[in-house]
């Protein structure tokens, strides 16, 4: 299922990929795929323009996996999305 989510994301079918990752996170909360699922869920939400959801998912990823090799990416993406949100509010 995680591979299907990746394929859908690469095909540009972000809504489908996001749904797959959300379902995976719900069905399999404690698997070795969890870091990938949470990170992909956040990434897809960001691409779909769902900034707050993406920020929340990145935060959940960082809370559960603070020392993961992709933690730096998650932090930078979360900060980037926060800046975008702040900029759009200021307009």
C-alpha atoms as a PDB file:
ATOM      1  CA  UNK A   1       0.000   0.000   0.000  1.00  0.00           C
ATOM      2  CA  UNK A   2       2.893   2.384   0.759  1.00  0.00           C
ATOM      3  CA  UNK A   3       4.310   1.693  -2.688  1.00  0.00           C
ATOM      4  CA  UNK A   4       0.922   2.466  -4.242  1.00  0.00           C
ATOM      5  CA  UNK A   5       0.892   5.784  -2.387  1.00  0.00           C
ATOM      6  CA  UNK A   6       4.348   6.585  -3.757  1.00  0.00           C
ATOM      7  CA  UNK A   7       3.242   5.727  -7.293  1.00  0.00           C
ATOM      8  CA  UNK A   8       0.151   7.894  -7.039  1.00  0.00           C
ATOM      9  CA  UNK A   9       2.237  10.786  -5.734  1.00  0.00           C
ATOM     10  CA  UNK A  10       4.718  10.458  -8.586  1.00  0.00           C
ATOM     11  CA  UNK A  11       1.873  10.327 -11.096  1.00  0.00           C
ATOM     12  CA  UNK A  12       0.630  13.628  -9.716  1.00  0.00           C
ATOM     13  CA  UNK A  13      -2.472  12.085  -8.186  1.00  0.00           C
ATOM     14  CA  UNK A  14      -1.916  13.795  -4.863  1.00  0.00           C
ATOM     15  CA  UNK A  15      -5.433  13.372  -3.509  1.00  0.00           C
ATOM     16  CA  UNK A  16      -5.235   9.617  -4.022  1.00  0.00           C
ATOM     17  CA  UNK A  17      -1.738   9.417  -2.537  1.00  0.00           C
ATOM     18  CA  UNK A  18      -2.795  11.458   0.470  1.00  0.00           C
ATOM     19  CA  UNK A  19      -5.804   9.178   1.023  1.00  0.00           C
ATOM     20  CA  UNK A  20      -3.640   6.074   0.810  1.00  0.00           C
ATOM     21  CA  UNK A  21      -1.122   7.417   3.316  1.00  0.00           C
ATOM     22  CA  UNK A  22      -3.852   8.579   5.680  1.00  0.00           C
ATOM     23  CA  UNK A  23      -5.444   5.134   5.537  1.00  0.00           C
ATOM     24  CA  UNK A  24      -2.086   3.443   6.114  1.00  0.00           C
ATOM     25  CA  UNK A  25      -1.404   5.624   9.153  1.00  0.00           C
ATOM     26  CA  UNK A  26      -4.813   4.689  10.516  1.00  0.00           C
ATOM     27  CA  UNK A  27      -4.624   0.948   9.802  1.00  0.00           C
ATOM     28  CA  UNK A  28      -1.004   0.325  10.717  1.00  0.00           C
ATOM     29  CA  UNK A  29       0.028   2.772  13.436  1.00  0.00           C
ATOM     30  CA  UNK A  30       3.019   0.761  14.637  1.00  0.00           C
ATOM     31  CA  UNK A  31       4.945  -0.650  11.674  1.00  0.00           C
ATOM     32  CA  UNK A  32       8.412  -0.088  10.312  1.00  0.00           C
ATOM     33  CA  UNK A  33       6.787   1.940   7.538  1.00  0.00           C
ATOM     34  CA  UNK A  34       5.414   4.514   9.990  1.00  0.00           C
ATOM     35  CA  UNK A  35       8.170   7.119   9.434  1.00  0.00           C
ATOM     36  CA  UNK A  36       7.697   6.894   5.670  1.00  0.00           C
ATOM     37  CA  UNK A  37       3.924   7.071   5.962  1.00  0.00           C
ATOM     38  CA  UNK A  38       3.911  10.119   8.244  1.00  0.00           C
ATOM     39  CA  UNK A  39       6.489  11.949   6.170  1.00  0.00           C
ATOM     40  CA  UNK A  40       4.650  11.165   2.931  1.00  0.00           C
ATOM     41  CA  UNK A  41       1.325  12.197   4.428  1.00  0.00           C
ATOM     42  CA  UNK A  42       2.814  15.555   5.429  1.00  0.00           C
ATOM     43  CA  UNK A  43       4.500  16.017   2.065  1.00  0.00           C
ATOM     44  CA  UNK A  44       1.320  15.260   0.093  1.00  0.00           C
ATOM     45  CA  UNK A  45      -0.719  17.595   2.304  1.00  0.00           C
ATOM     46  CA  UNK A  46       1.808  20.362   1.638  1.00  0.00           C
ATOM     47  CA  UNK A  47       1.620  19.798  -2.114  1.00  0.00           C
ATOM     48  CA  UNK A  48      -2.166  19.909  -1.925  1.00  0.00           C
ATOM     49  CA  UNK A  49      -2.005  23.287  -0.190  1.00  0.00           C
ATOM     50  CA  UNK A  50      -3.243  21.888   3.118  1.00  0.00           C
ATOM     51  CA  UNK A  51      -0.589  23.775   5.062  1.00  0.00           C
ATOM     52  CA  UNK A  52      -1.884  23.298   8.581  1.00  0.00           C
ATOM     53  CA  UNK A  53      -2.382  19.568   8.088  1.00  0.00           C
ATOM     54  CA  UNK A  54       1.128  19.281   6.649  1.00  0.00           C
ATOM     55  CA  UNK A  55       2.584  21.229   9.584  1.00  0.00           C
ATOM     56  CA  UNK A  56       0.708  18.974  12.015  1.00  0.00           C
ATOM     57  CA  UNK A  57       1.912  15.805  10.283  1.00  0.00           C
ATOM     58  CA  UNK A  58       5.516  17.011  10.228  1.00  0.00           C
ATOM     59  CA  UNK A  59       5.189  17.761  13.959  1.00  0.00           C
ATOM     60  CA  UNK A  60       3.827  14.271  14.588  1.00  0.00           C
ATOM     61  CA  UNK A  61       6.693  12.769  12.583  1.00  0.00           C
ATOM     62  CA  UNK A  62       9.258  14.785  14.558  1.00  0.00           C
ATOM     63  CA  UNK A  63       7.646  13.878  17.873  1.00  0.00           C
ATOM     64  CA  UNK A  64       7.692  10.159  17.101  1.00  0.00           C
ATOM     65  CA  UNK A  65      11.021  10.068  15.239  1.00  0.00           C
ATOM     66  CA  UNK A  66      13.174  13.008  16.407  1.00  0.00           C
ATOM     67  CA  UNK A  67      16.433  11.299  15.413  1.00  0.00           C
ATOM     68  CA  UNK A  68      15.267   9.877  12.090  1.00  0.00           C
ATOM     69  CA  UNK A  69      17.536  10.544   9.120  1.00  0.00           C
ATOM     70  CA  UNK A  70      14.771  12.670   7.530  1.00  0.00           C
ATOM     71  CA  UNK A  71      14.111  14.778  10.637  1.00  0.00           C
ATOM     72  CA  UNK A  72      16.082  17.703   9.176  1.00  0.00           C
ATOM     73  CA  UNK A  73      13.919  17.662   6.054  1.00  0.00           C
ATOM     74  CA  UNK A  74      10.752  17.539   8.162  1.00  0.00           C
ATOM     75  CA  UNK A  75      11.905  20.520  10.256  1.00  0.00           C
ATOM     76  CA  UNK A  76      12.829  22.624   7.229  1.00  0.00           C
ATOM     77  CA  UNK A  77       9.571  21.842   5.407  1.00  0.00           C
ATOM     78  CA  UNK A  78       7.536  22.636   8.503  1.00  0.00           C
ATOM     79  CA  UNK A  79       9.339  25.958   8.922  1.00  0.00           C
ATOM     80  CA  UNK A  80       8.880  26.760   5.228  1.00  0.00           C
ATOM     81  CA  UNK A  81       5.140  26.092   5.478  1.00  0.00           C
ATOM     82  CA  UNK A  82       4.881  28.219   8.627  1.00  0.00           C
ATOM     83  CA  UNK A  83       6.597  31.100   6.821  1.00  0.00           C
ATOM     84  CA  UNK A  84       4.216  30.745   3.874  1.00  0.00           C
ATOM     85  CA  UNK A  85       1.234  30.800   6.215  1.00  0.00           C
ATOM     86  CA  UNK A  86       2.578  33.887   8.008  1.00  0.00           C
ATOM     87  CA  UNK A  87       3.217  35.653   4.714  1.00  0.00           C
ATOM     88  CA  UNK A  88      -0.272  34.942   3.394  1.00  0.00           C
ATOM     89  CA  UNK A  89      -1.859  36.185   6.643  1.00  0.00           C
ATOM     90  CA  UNK A  90       0.144  39.404   6.483  1.00  0.00           C
ATOM     91  CA  UNK A  91      -1.201  40.304   3.045  1.00  0.00           C
END
